[in-house]
């Protein structure tokens, strides 16, 4: 492996570790699916809380 390829791999690994965003396609897809499910769950919880608050007023 040439030093240029090795440097590029190390750079990709450093950026992935620093940002928390994977560099592989499957890793990015898995992360987006996880974020989507977390957002949907959060919206459901907020909706239930707002419904309960509005019902008591």
Protein backbone atom coordinates (compact mmCIF):
# COMPACT_ATOMS: atom_id res chain seq x y z
CA UNK A 1 0.00 0.00 0.00
CA UNK A 2 1.41 3.36 -0.96
CA UNK A 3 1.82 6.10 1.58
CA UNK A 4 -0.81 8.22 -0.22
CA UNK A 5 -3.49 5.52 0.16
CA UNK A 6 -2.48 4.94 3.76
CA UNK A 7 -2.70 8.68 4.50
CA UNK A 8 -6.14 8.86 2.85
CA UNK A 9 -7.41 5.92 4.93
CA UNK A 10 -6.13 7.51 8.14
CA UNK A 11 -7.74 10.81 7.19
CA UNK A 12 -11.11 9.14 6.51
CA UNK A 13 -10.90 7.27 9.80
CA UNK A 14 -10.04 10.45 11.74
CA UNK A 15 -12.91 12.38 10.18
CA UNK A 16 -15.35 9.51 10.81
CA UNK A 17 -14.30 9.29 14.46
CA UNK A 18 -14.43 13.06 14.96
CA UNK A 19 -17.86 13.59 13.39
CA UNK A 20 -19.48 10.25 14.22
CA UNK A 21 -20.55 9.83 10.57
CA UNK A 22 -19.42 6.55 9.00
CA UNK A 23 -17.64 6.63 5.64
CA UNK A 24 -19.19 3.46 4.19
CA UNK A 25 -22.53 3.51 2.39
CA UNK A 26 -24.06 0.85 4.62
CA UNK A 27 -22.80 2.63 7.74
CA UNK A 28 -24.36 5.93 6.66
CA UNK A 29 -27.63 4.17 5.81
CA UNK A 30 -27.69 2.44 9.21
CA UNK A 31 -27.01 5.74 10.99
CA UNK A 32 -29.78 7.55 9.07
CA UNK A 33 -32.29 4.79 9.87
CA UNK A 34 -31.37 5.07 13.53
CA UNK A 35 -31.77 8.86 13.49
CA UNK A 36 -35.14 8.60 11.72
CA UNK A 37 -36.48 6.20 14.33
CA UNK A 38 -35.24 8.45 17.15
CA UNK A 39 -36.90 11.52 15.60
CA UNK A 40 -40.19 9.68 15.07
CA UNK A 41 -40.17 8.41 18.66
CA UNK A 42 -39.42 11.92 19.94
CA UNK A 43 -42.29 13.40 17.92
CA UNK A 44 -44.69 10.76 19.27
CA UNK A 45 -43.65 11.51 22.85
CA UNK A 46 -44.00 15.28 22.32
CA UNK A 47 -47.40 14.74 20.70
CA UNK A 48 -48.63 12.67 23.64
CA UNK A 49 -47.38 15.23 26.16
CA UNK A 50 -49.00 18.12 24.28
CA UNK A 51 -52.24 16.17 24.01
CA UNK A 52 -52.31 15.49 27.73
CA UNK A 53 -51.52 19.12 28.57
CA UNK A 54 -54.19 20.45 26.20
CA UNK A 55 -56.75 18.03 27.60
CA UNK A 56 -56.26 19.31 31.15
CA UNK A 57 -56.75 22.98 30.25
